[in-house]
Amino acid sequence: MGQAQPLPAALEAIEARAAALGFDMNSDREVGRLLAALAASKPGGRMLELGTGCGLGAAWLLHGMDAQASLLTIDTDETAQAVARDTLGADGRVRFLLEDGGTALAQMAAAEFDLIFADAWPGKFSHLDEALAALGPGGVYVIDDLLPRPNWPDGHQANVDRLLADLAGRDGFVFAQMGWATGVAMLVRQAA
């Protein structure tokens, strides 16, 4: 097996601070590696993360992005996002927005992003049409946490099942579902 790829510089600090806060909605490292690879496939790309949390997903996205790429990451949790701001904010490629993801999506232009990581309710279980409208041709939409998790609310499996059926049936996209890590699905917008 080959040599292990380096981790994002801020990853362990973010994980430690998230644990100290009791924040248990962090992105899995395997999902992070996928995010970094997808970000690397979009030179000069425009990335959107819905659900900053403490910044693990953002750290992985930044890890894969080139110098011309940009990342907008959105969350409503000021305390969690403060960890991301403290650890990642010096990187000029990232911009943080403390706002409801649904509200932000409603203000976005069509085909604005090359990669969207929807790691919050808005853009995933609500405002899905708006999120997908913000994805440009060849753009990738990624979601995780599709396999049962200890922090799922009662009845959440039905939400996941409806979402996956919706994504699989979308015209103009290629759909892939992966049963590894925390459960991942992707849509890629086909060129017109």
N, C-alpha and C. Protein backbone atom coordinates (compact mmCIF):
# COMPACT_ATOMS: atom_id res chain seq x y z
N MET A 1 0.84 -1.17 0.00
CA MET A 1 0.00 0.00 0.00
C MET A 1 0.89 1.23 0.00
N GLY A 2 0.43 2.31 -0.66
CA GLY A 2 1.21 3.53 -0.79
C GLY A 2 1.32 4.30 0.51
N GLN A 3 2.11 5.34 0.45
CA GLN A 3 2.32 6.20 1.62
C GLN A 3 1.04 6.98 1.92
N ALA A 4 0.73 7.15 3.18
CA ALA A 4 -0.46 7.89 3.59
C ALA A 4 -0.33 9.35 3.18
N GLN A 5 -1.42 9.89 2.70
CA GLN A 5 -1.46 11.30 2.32
C GLN A 5 -1.43 12.17 3.58
N PRO A 6 -0.81 13.34 3.50
CA PRO A 6 -0.79 14.22 4.67
C PRO A 6 -2.20 14.71 5.01
N LEU A 7 -2.39 14.99 6.27
CA LEU A 7 -3.67 15.52 6.75
C LEU A 7 -3.65 17.04 6.66
N PRO A 8 -4.82 17.68 6.57
CA PRO A 8 -4.84 19.13 6.65
C PRO A 8 -4.17 19.61 7.94
N ALA A 9 -3.43 20.69 7.85
CA ALA A 9 -2.64 21.18 8.99
C ALA A 9 -3.49 21.44 10.23
N ALA A 10 -4.69 21.95 10.06
CA ALA A 10 -5.52 22.33 11.20
C ALA A 10 -6.41 21.20 11.71
N LEU A 11 -6.37 20.04 11.08
CA LEU A 11 -7.34 18.99 11.38
C LEU A 11 -7.34 18.57 12.84
N GLU A 12 -6.19 18.26 13.39
CA GLU A 12 -6.16 17.76 14.77
C GLU A 12 -6.57 18.84 15.77
N ALA A 13 -6.21 20.09 15.51
CA ALA A 13 -6.64 21.18 16.39
C ALA A 13 -8.16 21.33 16.35
N ILE A 14 -8.74 21.22 15.16
CA ILE A 14 -10.19 21.32 15.03
C ILE A 14 -10.86 20.17 15.76
N GLU A 15 -10.36 18.96 15.57
CA GLU A 15 -10.94 17.79 16.23
C GLU A 15 -10.89 17.95 17.75
N ALA A 16 -9.77 18.42 18.28
CA ALA A 16 -9.63 18.60 19.73
C ALA A 16 -10.60 19.66 20.25
N ARG A 17 -10.71 20.77 19.54
CA ARG A 17 -11.62 21.84 19.99
C ARG A 17 -13.08 21.42 19.86
N ALA A 18 -13.41 20.66 18.82
CA ALA A 18 -14.77 20.15 18.66
C ALA A 18 -15.11 19.21 19.81
N ALA A 19 -14.18 18.34 20.17
CA ALA A 19 -14.40 17.41 21.28
C ALA A 19 -14.60 18.18 22.59
N ALA A 20 -13.81 19.22 22.81
CA ALA A 20 -13.94 20.03 24.03
C ALA A 20 -15.31 20.71 24.10
N LEU A 21 -15.87 21.06 22.93
CA LEU A 21 -17.21 21.67 22.89
C LEU A 21 -18.33 20.65 23.01
N GLY A 22 -17.98 19.36 22.85
CA GLY A 22 -19.01 18.33 22.81
C GLY A 22 -19.73 18.29 21.46
N PHE A 23 -19.09 18.85 20.43
CA PHE A 23 -19.66 18.89 19.09
C PHE A 23 -19.45 17.53 18.44
N ASP A 24 -20.55 16.81 18.13
CA ASP A 24 -20.44 15.44 17.64
C ASP A 24 -20.90 15.27 16.19
N MET A 25 -20.93 16.34 15.44
CA MET A 25 -21.40 16.27 14.05
C MET A 25 -20.27 16.53 13.06
N ASN A 26 -19.06 16.13 13.42
CA ASN A 26 -17.90 16.34 12.56
C ASN A 26 -17.93 15.43 11.34
N SER A 27 -17.33 15.90 10.26
CA SER A 27 -17.17 15.08 9.07
C SER A 27 -16.13 13.99 9.33
N ASP A 28 -16.40 12.82 8.82
CA ASP A 28 -15.52 11.67 8.92
C ASP A 28 -14.25 11.91 8.09
N ARG A 29 -13.13 11.39 8.54
CA ARG A 29 -11.87 11.59 7.81
C ARG A 29 -11.91 10.98 6.41
N GLU A 30 -12.57 9.85 6.25
CA GLU A 30 -12.66 9.25 4.91
C GLU A 30 -13.48 10.15 3.98
N VAL A 31 -14.56 10.71 4.49
CA VAL A 31 -15.34 11.67 3.70
C VAL A 31 -14.47 12.88 3.39
N GLY A 32 -13.67 13.30 4.35
CA GLY A 32 -12.77 14.43 4.14
C GLY A 32 -11.79 14.18 3.01
N ARG A 33 -11.25 12.99 2.95
CA ARG A 33 -10.33 12.66 1.86
C ARG A 33 -11.03 12.75 0.50
N LEU A 34 -12.27 12.30 0.45
CA LEU A 34 -13.05 12.43 -0.78
C LEU A 34 -13.26 13.90 -1.13
N LEU A 35 -13.60 14.71 -0.13
CA LEU A 35 -13.80 16.15 -0.38
C LEU A 35 -12.53 16.79 -0.93
N ALA A 36 -11.38 16.45 -0.36
CA ALA A 36 -10.12 17.02 -0.83
C ALA A 36 -9.86 16.63 -2.28
N ALA A 37 -10.11 15.36 -2.61
CA ALA A 37 -9.91 14.90 -3.99
C ALA A 37 -10.86 15.60 -4.95
N LEU A 38 -12.12 15.75 -4.55
CA LEU A 38 -13.09 16.43 -5.42
C LEU A 38 -12.71 17.90 -5.59
N ALA A 39 -12.28 18.55 -4.52
CA ALA A 39 -11.86 19.95 -4.62
C ALA A 39 -10.66 20.08 -5.55
N ALA A 40 -9.75 19.12 -5.49
CA ALA A 40 -8.57 19.16 -6.36
C ALA A 40 -8.95 18.99 -7.83
N SER A 41 -10.09 18.37 -8.09
CA SER A 41 -10.54 18.16 -9.48
C SER A 41 -11.17 19.41 -10.08
N LYS A 42 -11.27 20.48 -9.30
CA LYS A 42 -11.91 21.72 -9.75
C LYS A 42 -10.92 22.88 -9.65
N PRO A 43 -9.90 22.92 -10.53
CA PRO A 43 -8.94 24.03 -10.48
C PRO A 43 -9.65 25.38 -10.62
N GLY A 44 -9.31 26.31 -9.72
CA GLY A 44 -9.95 27.62 -9.73
C GLY A 44 -11.42 27.55 -9.38
N GLY A 45 -11.85 26.44 -8.81
CA GLY A 45 -13.26 26.18 -8.55
C GLY A 45 -13.86 27.03 -7.44
N ARG A 46 -15.17 27.12 -7.51
CA ARG A 46 -15.96 27.81 -6.48
C ARG A 46 -16.66 26.74 -5.67
N MET A 47 -16.34 26.68 -4.39
CA MET A 47 -16.86 25.65 -3.50
C MET A 47 -17.83 26.27 -2.51
N LEU A 48 -18.85 25.49 -2.16
CA LEU A 48 -19.83 25.90 -1.15
C LEU A 48 -19.97 24.77 -0.16
N GLU A 49 -19.89 25.12 1.13
CA GLU A 49 -20.16 24.16 2.20
C GLU A 49 -21.34 24.68 2.99
N LEU A 50 -22.37 23.87 3.09
CA LEU A 50 -23.54 24.19 3.90
C LEU A 50 -23.42 23.40 5.19
N GLY A 51 -23.10 24.08 6.27
CA GLY A 51 -22.87 23.43 7.55
C GLY A 51 -21.39 23.42 7.90
N THR A 52 -20.87 24.57 8.27
CA THR A 52 -19.45 24.68 8.63
C THR A 52 -19.11 23.79 9.81
N GLY A 53 -20.00 23.76 10.81
CA GLY A 53 -19.66 23.08 12.06
C GLY A 53 -18.40 23.70 12.61
N CYS A 54 -17.48 22.87 13.09
CA CYS A 54 -16.20 23.36 13.63
C CYS A 54 -15.13 23.48 12.55
N GLY A 55 -15.45 23.09 11.32
CA GLY A 55 -14.52 23.33 10.22
C GLY A 55 -13.80 22.13 9.64
N LEU A 56 -14.17 20.92 10.04
CA LEU A 56 -13.44 19.76 9.49
C LEU A 56 -13.65 19.61 7.99
N GLY A 57 -14.89 19.74 7.52
CA GLY A 57 -15.14 19.65 6.08
C GLY A 57 -14.40 20.75 5.34
N ALA A 58 -14.45 21.96 5.88
CA ALA A 58 -13.76 23.10 5.25
C ALA A 58 -12.25 22.85 5.21
N ALA A 59 -11.69 22.28 6.26
CA ALA A 59 -10.26 22.00 6.28
C ALA A 59 -9.88 21.04 5.15
N TRP A 60 -10.69 20.02 4.93
CA TRP A 60 -10.42 19.06 3.86
C TRP A 60 -10.60 19.71 2.49
N LEU A 61 -11.65 20.51 2.33
CA LEU A 61 -11.85 21.18 1.05
C LEU A 61 -10.66 22.09 0.73
N LEU A 62 -10.25 22.89 1.70
CA LEU A 62 -9.10 23.78 1.51
C LEU A 62 -7.84 22.98 1.20
N HIS A 63 -7.70 21.82 1.83
CA HIS A 63 -6.54 20.95 1.62
C HIS A 63 -6.41 20.52 0.15
N GLY A 64 -7.55 20.32 -0.51
CA GLY A 64 -7.52 19.91 -1.90
C GLY A 64 -7.57 21.03 -2.91
N MET A 65 -7.98 22.22 -2.49
CA MET A 65 -8.16 23.33 -3.41
C MET A 65 -6.82 23.92 -3.87
N ASP A 66 -6.81 24.45 -5.09
CA ASP A 66 -5.62 25.16 -5.55
C ASP A 66 -5.69 26.62 -5.09
N ALA A 67 -4.66 27.39 -5.40
CA ALA A 67 -4.56 28.76 -4.91
C ALA A 67 -5.62 29.69 -5.48
N GLN A 68 -6.19 29.35 -6.63
CA GLN A 68 -7.20 30.22 -7.25
C GLN A 68 -8.63 29.85 -6.85
N ALA A 69 -8.82 28.74 -6.19
CA ALA A 69 -10.15 28.29 -5.79
C ALA A 69 -10.64 29.10 -4.60
N SER A 70 -11.97 29.07 -4.39
CA SER A 70 -12.55 29.77 -3.25
C SER A 70 -13.61 28.90 -2.59
N LEU A 71 -13.79 29.14 -1.31
CA LEU A 71 -14.76 28.38 -0.51
C LEU A 71 -15.61 29.35 0.28
N LEU A 72 -16.93 29.20 0.17
CA LEU A 72 -17.89 29.88 1.02
C LEU A 72 -18.49 28.82 1.93
N THR A 73 -18.38 29.01 3.24
CA THR A 73 -18.92 28.04 4.18
C THR A 73 -19.92 28.74 5.10
N ILE A 74 -21.07 28.12 5.29
CA ILE A 74 -22.23 28.75 5.94
C ILE A 74 -22.70 27.89 7.11
N ASP A 75 -23.03 28.54 8.21
CA ASP A 75 -23.61 27.85 9.36
C ASP A 75 -24.36 28.86 10.22
N THR A 76 -25.25 28.35 11.07
CA THR A 76 -25.96 29.20 12.02
C THR A 76 -25.40 29.10 13.43
N ASP A 77 -24.52 28.13 13.67
CA ASP A 77 -23.97 27.90 15.01
C ASP A 77 -22.70 28.74 15.18
N GLU A 78 -22.84 29.88 15.84
CA GLU A 78 -21.73 30.81 16.00
C GLU A 78 -20.57 30.21 16.78
N THR A 79 -20.87 29.44 17.81
CA THR A 79 -19.82 28.85 18.64
C THR A 79 -18.99 27.85 17.85
N ALA A 80 -19.66 26.96 17.12
CA ALA A 80 -18.93 25.97 16.32
C ALA A 80 -18.17 26.66 15.20
N GLN A 81 -18.82 27.58 14.50
CA GLN A 81 -18.14 28.23 13.38
C GLN A 81 -16.94 29.05 13.85
N ALA A 82 -16.97 29.52 15.09
CA ALA A 82 -15.83 30.28 15.63
C ALA A 82 -14.57 29.42 15.66
N VAL A 83 -14.71 28.12 15.90
CA VAL A 83 -13.55 27.22 15.86
C VAL A 83 -12.97 27.22 14.45
N ALA A 84 -13.83 27.11 13.46
CA ALA A 84 -13.36 27.12 12.06
C ALA A 84 -12.72 28.45 11.71
N ARG A 85 -13.33 29.54 12.13
CA ARG A 85 -12.76 30.86 11.85
C ARG A 85 -11.38 31.01 12.48
N ASP A 86 -11.24 30.55 13.72
CA ASP A 86 -9.97 30.67 14.43
C ASP A 86 -8.87 29.83 13.77
N THR A 87 -9.22 28.64 13.30
CA THR A 87 -8.21 27.73 12.78
C THR A 87 -7.98 27.86 11.28
N LEU A 88 -8.97 28.34 10.54
CA LEU A 88 -8.88 28.39 9.08
C LEU A 88 -8.98 29.80 8.50
N GLY A 89 -9.36 30.76 9.33
CA GLY A 89 -9.67 32.10 8.84
C GLY A 89 -8.53 32.87 8.22
N ALA A 90 -7.31 32.49 8.48
CA ALA A 90 -6.17 33.19 7.88
C ALA A 90 -5.98 32.83 6.40
N ASP A 91 -6.65 31.77 5.96
CA ASP A 91 -6.56 31.34 4.56
C ASP A 91 -7.48 32.24 3.73
N GLY A 92 -6.90 33.00 2.83
CA GLY A 92 -7.66 33.95 2.02
C GLY A 92 -8.63 33.32 1.04
N ARG A 93 -8.60 32.01 0.89
CA ARG A 93 -9.52 31.34 -0.04
C ARG A 93 -10.88 31.06 0.57
N VAL A 94 -11.01 31.22 1.89
CA VAL A 94 -12.26 30.86 2.57
C VAL A 94 -12.98 32.11 3.07
N ARG A 95 -14.30 32.06 2.95
CA ARG A 95 -15.16 33.11 3.49
C ARG A 95 -16.23 32.44 4.32
N PHE A 96 -16.47 32.97 5.53
CA PHE A 96 -17.45 32.41 6.45
C PHE A 96 -18.70 33.27 6.45
N LEU A 97 -19.84 32.62 6.48
CA LEU A 97 -21.11 33.32 6.56
C LEU A 97 -21.92 32.71 7.69
N LEU A 98 -22.30 33.54 8.66
CA LEU A 98 -23.13 33.09 9.78
C LEU A 98 -24.57 33.43 9.42
N GLU A 99 -25.25 32.46 8.84
CA GLU A 99 -26.60 32.68 8.34
C GLU A 99 -27.27 31.33 8.12
N ASP A 100 -28.58 31.32 8.08
CA ASP A 100 -29.32 30.11 7.74
C ASP A 100 -29.00 29.72 6.30
N GLY A 101 -28.68 28.47 6.08
CA GLY A 101 -28.33 28.00 4.75
C GLY A 101 -29.45 28.18 3.75
N GLY A 102 -30.68 27.98 4.16
CA GLY A 102 -31.82 28.16 3.26
C GLY A 102 -31.95 29.59 2.81
N THR A 103 -31.76 30.52 3.72
CA THR A 103 -31.81 31.95 3.38
C THR A 103 -30.69 32.29 2.41
N ALA A 104 -29.50 31.79 2.67
CA ALA A 104 -28.36 32.06 1.79
C ALA A 104 -28.59 31.45 0.41
N LEU A 105 -29.10 30.23 0.35
CA LEU A 105 -29.34 29.59 -0.94
C LEU A 105 -30.34 30.37 -1.78
N ALA A 106 -31.34 30.94 -1.14
CA ALA A 106 -32.36 31.70 -1.87
C ALA A 106 -31.77 32.94 -2.56
N GLN A 107 -30.62 33.40 -2.09
CA GLN A 107 -29.99 34.59 -2.65
C GLN A 107 -28.89 34.27 -3.66
N MET A 108 -28.64 33.00 -3.91
CA MET A 108 -27.53 32.61 -4.79
C MET A 108 -27.98 32.53 -6.24
N ALA A 109 -27.03 32.78 -7.12
CA ALA A 109 -27.30 32.71 -8.55
C ALA A 109 -27.20 31.27 -9.04
N ALA A 110 -27.92 30.98 -10.13
CA ALA A 110 -27.83 29.67 -10.75
C ALA A 110 -26.40 29.44 -11.24
N ALA A 111 -25.97 28.20 -11.19
CA ALA A 111 -24.67 27.77 -11.69
C ALA A 111 -23.51 28.54 -11.08
N GLU A 112 -23.63 28.86 -9.81
CA GLU A 112 -22.60 29.66 -9.13
C GLU A 112 -21.43 28.82 -8.62
N PHE A 113 -21.64 27.51 -8.35
CA PHE A 113 -20.63 26.70 -7.69
C PHE A 113 -20.24 25.47 -8.51
N ASP A 114 -18.98 25.05 -8.32
CA ASP A 114 -18.45 23.86 -8.97
C ASP A 114 -18.52 22.64 -8.06
N LEU A 115 -18.61 22.87 -6.76
CA LEU A 115 -18.70 21.79 -5.77
C LEU A 115 -19.51 22.30 -4.59
N ILE A 116 -20.50 21.52 -4.20
CA ILE A 116 -21.31 21.84 -3.03
C ILE A 116 -21.27 20.65 -2.09
N PHE A 117 -20.83 20.90 -0.86
CA PHE A 117 -20.89 19.90 0.19
C PHE A 117 -22.00 20.32 1.13
N ALA A 118 -23.12 19.62 1.08
CA ALA A 118 -24.28 19.94 1.92
C ALA A 118 -24.22 19.06 3.16
N ASP A 119 -23.78 19.65 4.25
CA ASP A 119 -23.59 18.93 5.50
C ASP A 119 -24.46 19.52 6.61
N ALA A 120 -25.62 20.02 6.20
CA ALA A 120 -26.60 20.59 7.14
C ALA A 120 -27.99 20.32 6.58
N TRP A 121 -29.01 20.60 7.35
CA TRP A 121 -30.38 20.37 6.89
C TRP A 121 -30.67 21.16 5.61
N PRO A 122 -30.42 22.49 5.59
CA PRO A 122 -30.65 23.23 4.34
C PRO A 122 -29.67 22.79 3.25
N GLY A 123 -30.21 22.58 2.08
CA GLY A 123 -29.40 22.11 0.96
C GLY A 123 -29.35 20.61 0.87
N LYS A 124 -29.95 19.96 1.85
CA LYS A 124 -29.95 18.50 1.91
C LYS A 124 -31.39 18.02 2.10
N PHE A 125 -31.97 18.27 3.26
CA PHE A 125 -33.34 17.84 3.53
C PHE A 125 -34.36 18.95 3.29
N SER A 126 -33.90 20.16 3.16
CA SER A 126 -34.74 21.29 2.74
C SER A 126 -33.91 22.11 1.75
N HIS A 127 -34.56 22.90 0.94
CA HIS A 127 -33.88 23.78 -0.02
C HIS A 127 -32.98 23.01 -0.99
N LEU A 128 -33.34 21.76 -1.27
CA LEU A 128 -32.54 20.95 -2.18
C LEU A 128 -32.57 21.52 -3.60
N ASP A 129 -33.74 21.93 -4.06
CA ASP A 129 -33.83 22.50 -5.42
C ASP A 129 -32.94 23.72 -5.56
N GLU A 130 -32.91 24.57 -4.54
CA GLU A 130 -32.07 25.77 -4.57
C GLU A 130 -30.58 25.40 -4.59
N ALA A 131 -30.21 24.40 -3.82
CA ALA A 131 -28.80 23.97 -3.80
C ALA A 131 -28.39 23.44 -5.17
N LEU A 132 -29.22 22.60 -5.75
CA LEU A 132 -28.87 22.02 -7.05
C LEU A 132 -28.89 23.07 -8.15
N ALA A 133 -29.75 24.08 -8.03
CA ALA A 133 -29.76 25.17 -9.02
C ALA A 133 -28.48 25.97 -8.97
N ALA A 134 -27.82 26.01 -7.81
CA ALA A 134 -26.57 26.78 -7.65
C ALA A 134 -25.35 26.01 -8.16
N LEU A 135 -25.57 24.81 -8.67
CA LEU A 135 -24.48 23.96 -9.15
C LEU A 135 -24.32 24.11 -10.66
N GLY A 136 -23.11 24.42 -11.09
CA GLY A 136 -22.83 24.61 -12.51
C GLY A 136 -22.67 23.29 -13.24
N PRO A 137 -22.60 23.32 -14.59
CA PRO A 137 -22.39 22.11 -15.39
C PRO A 137 -21.09 21.42 -14.98
N GLY A 138 -21.16 20.12 -14.81
CA GLY A 138 -20.00 19.36 -14.33
C GLY A 138 -19.79 19.49 -12.85
N GLY A 139 -20.62 20.26 -12.18
CA GLY A 139 -20.49 20.48 -10.75
C GLY A 139 -20.90 19.25 -9.95
N VAL A 140 -20.31 19.13 -8.78
CA VAL A 140 -20.52 17.97 -7.91
C VAL A 140 -21.23 18.41 -6.64
N TYR A 141 -22.29 17.70 -6.31
CA TYR A 141 -23.05 17.88 -5.07
C TYR A 141 -22.77 16.65 -4.21
N VAL A 142 -22.30 16.86 -2.97
CA VAL A 142 -21.92 15.75 -2.09
C VAL A 142 -22.64 15.88 -0.75
N ILE A 143 -23.14 14.75 -0.26
CA ILE A 143 -23.73 14.71 1.08
C ILE A 143 -23.18 13.47 1.80
N ASP A 144 -23.18 13.54 3.11
CA ASP A 144 -22.75 12.39 3.91
C ASP A 144 -23.73 12.16 5.04
N ASP A 145 -23.37 11.30 5.98
CA ASP A 145 -24.20 10.95 7.13
C ASP A 145 -25.52 10.30 6.69
N LEU A 146 -25.43 9.38 5.73
CA LEU A 146 -26.61 8.69 5.22
C LEU A 146 -26.79 7.30 5.80
N LEU A 147 -25.82 6.83 6.56
CA LEU A 147 -25.95 5.58 7.30
C LEU A 147 -26.34 5.93 8.74
N PRO A 148 -27.11 5.07 9.40
CA PRO A 148 -27.57 5.39 10.76
C PRO A 148 -26.44 5.83 11.69
N ARG A 149 -26.71 6.91 12.41
CA ARG A 149 -25.75 7.50 13.34
C ARG A 149 -26.39 7.60 14.72
N PRO A 150 -25.58 7.54 15.79
CA PRO A 150 -26.14 7.63 17.14
C PRO A 150 -26.87 8.95 17.41
N ASN A 151 -26.49 10.03 16.72
CA ASN A 151 -27.11 11.32 17.00
C ASN A 151 -28.32 11.61 16.10
N TRP A 152 -28.79 10.63 15.34
CA TRP A 152 -29.99 10.82 14.50
C TRP A 152 -31.23 10.97 15.37
N PRO A 153 -32.12 11.90 15.03
CA PRO A 153 -33.40 11.98 15.74
C PRO A 153 -34.30 10.81 15.34
N ASP A 154 -35.27 10.51 16.17
CA ASP A 154 -36.23 9.44 15.86
C ASP A 154 -36.89 9.70 14.52
N GLY A 155 -37.02 8.66 13.73
CA GLY A 155 -37.70 8.76 12.44
C GLY A 155 -36.86 9.33 11.31
N HIS A 156 -35.57 9.60 11.55
CA HIS A 156 -34.75 10.26 10.53
C HIS A 156 -34.47 9.36 9.31
N GLN A 157 -34.50 8.06 9.50
CA GLN A 157 -34.25 7.15 8.37
C GLN A 157 -35.22 7.43 7.22
N ALA A 158 -36.47 7.76 7.54
CA ALA A 158 -37.46 8.07 6.49
C ALA A 158 -37.03 9.31 5.70
N ASN A 159 -36.45 10.31 6.37
CA ASN A 159 -35.95 11.50 5.67
C ASN A 159 -34.83 11.12 4.70
N VAL A 160 -33.92 10.28 5.16
CA VAL A 160 -32.80 9.84 4.34
C VAL A 160 -33.31 9.05 3.13
N ASP A 161 -34.25 8.15 3.36
CA ASP A 161 -34.78 7.33 2.27
C ASP A 161 -35.46 8.21 1.21
N ARG A 162 -36.24 9.19 1.63
CA ARG A 162 -36.90 10.11 0.68
C ARG A 162 -35.87 10.91 -0.10
N LEU A 163 -34.84 11.40 0.60
CA LEU A 163 -33.81 12.19 -0.06
C LEU A 163 -33.08 11.37 -1.12
N LEU A 164 -32.69 10.16 -0.78
CA LEU A 164 -31.95 9.32 -1.73
C LEU A 164 -32.81 8.98 -2.94
N ALA A 165 -34.09 8.71 -2.72
CA ALA A 165 -34.99 8.43 -3.85
C ALA A 165 -35.11 9.65 -4.74
N ASP A 166 -35.21 10.83 -4.15
CA ASP A 166 -35.29 12.08 -4.91
C ASP A 166 -34.03 12.29 -5.74
N LEU A 167 -32.88 12.13 -5.11
CA LEU A 167 -31.61 12.34 -5.82
C LEU A 167 -31.44 11.35 -6.96
N ALA A 168 -31.78 10.09 -6.73
CA ALA A 168 -31.61 9.05 -7.75
C ALA A 168 -32.51 9.30 -8.96
N GLY A 169 -33.61 10.00 -8.75
CA GLY A 169 -34.56 10.23 -9.83
C GLY A 169 -34.41 11.55 -10.56
N ARG A 170 -33.39 12.32 -10.25
CA ARG A 170 -33.21 13.65 -10.86
C ARG A 170 -32.70 13.54 -12.29
N ASP A 171 -33.39 14.19 -13.22
CA ASP A 171 -32.92 14.29 -14.60
C ASP A 171 -31.79 15.30 -14.69
N GLY A 172 -30.87 15.06 -15.60
CA GLY A 172 -29.77 15.99 -15.82
C GLY A 172 -28.60 15.82 -14.88
N PHE A 173 -28.63 14.77 -14.08
CA PHE A 173 -27.56 14.49 -13.11
C PHE A 173 -27.16 13.02 -13.19
N VAL A 174 -25.94 12.74 -12.83
CA VAL A 174 -25.48 11.36 -12.61
C VAL A 174 -25.41 11.18 -11.09
N PHE A 175 -26.03 10.10 -10.60
CA PHE A 175 -26.15 9.84 -9.17
C PHE A 175 -25.25 8.67 -8.77
N ALA A 176 -24.59 8.79 -7.63
CA ALA A 176 -23.82 7.69 -7.06
C ALA A 176 -24.04 7.67 -5.55
N GLN A 177 -24.33 6.49 -5.03
CA GLN A 177 -24.47 6.31 -3.59
C GLN A 177 -23.42 5.32 -3.14
N MET A 178 -22.72 5.67 -2.04
CA MET A 178 -21.63 4.84 -1.54
C MET A 178 -21.89 4.46 -0.08
N GLY A 179 -21.86 3.18 0.20
CA GLY A 179 -22.16 2.70 1.55
C GLY A 179 -20.92 2.54 2.41
N TRP A 180 -20.02 3.49 2.37
CA TRP A 180 -18.81 3.44 3.21
C TRP A 180 -18.74 4.72 4.05
N ALA A 181 -17.79 4.75 4.95
CA ALA A 181 -17.64 5.87 5.90
C ALA A 181 -18.99 6.07 6.59
N THR A 182 -19.53 7.29 6.56
CA THR A 182 -20.81 7.56 7.21
C THR A 182 -21.98 7.46 6.23
N GLY A 183 -21.70 7.01 5.01
CA GLY A 183 -22.71 6.93 3.96
C GLY A 183 -22.66 8.20 3.14
N VAL A 184 -22.30 8.09 1.88
CA VAL A 184 -22.08 9.25 1.01
C VAL A 184 -22.91 9.09 -0.24
N ALA A 185 -23.40 10.19 -0.76
CA ALA A 185 -24.05 10.23 -2.07
C ALA A 185 -23.55 11.45 -2.81
N MET A 186 -23.54 11.33 -4.13
CA MET A 186 -23.09 12.43 -5.00
C MET A 186 -24.01 12.56 -6.19
N LEU A 187 -24.16 13.78 -6.64
CA LEU A 187 -24.80 14.06 -7.92
C LEU A 187 -23.80 14.88 -8.71
N VAL A 188 -23.70 14.62 -10.01
CA VAL A 188 -22.88 15.44 -10.89
C VAL A 188 -23.81 15.97 -11.96
N ARG A 189 -23.83 17.31 -12.09
CA ARG A 189 -24.69 17.93 -13.11
C ARG A 189 -24.10 17.69 -14.49
N GLN A 190 -24.90 17.11 -15.37
CA GLN A 190 -24.46 16.88 -16.73
C GLN A 190 -24.49 18.18 -17.51
N ALA A 191 -23.54 18.32 -18.43
CA ALA A 191 -23.54 19.51 -19.30
C ALA A 191 -24.76 19.44 -20.21
N ALA A 192 -25.31 20.59 -20.53
CA ALA A 192 -26.53 20.65 -21.36
C ALA A 192 -26.27 20.15 -22.76
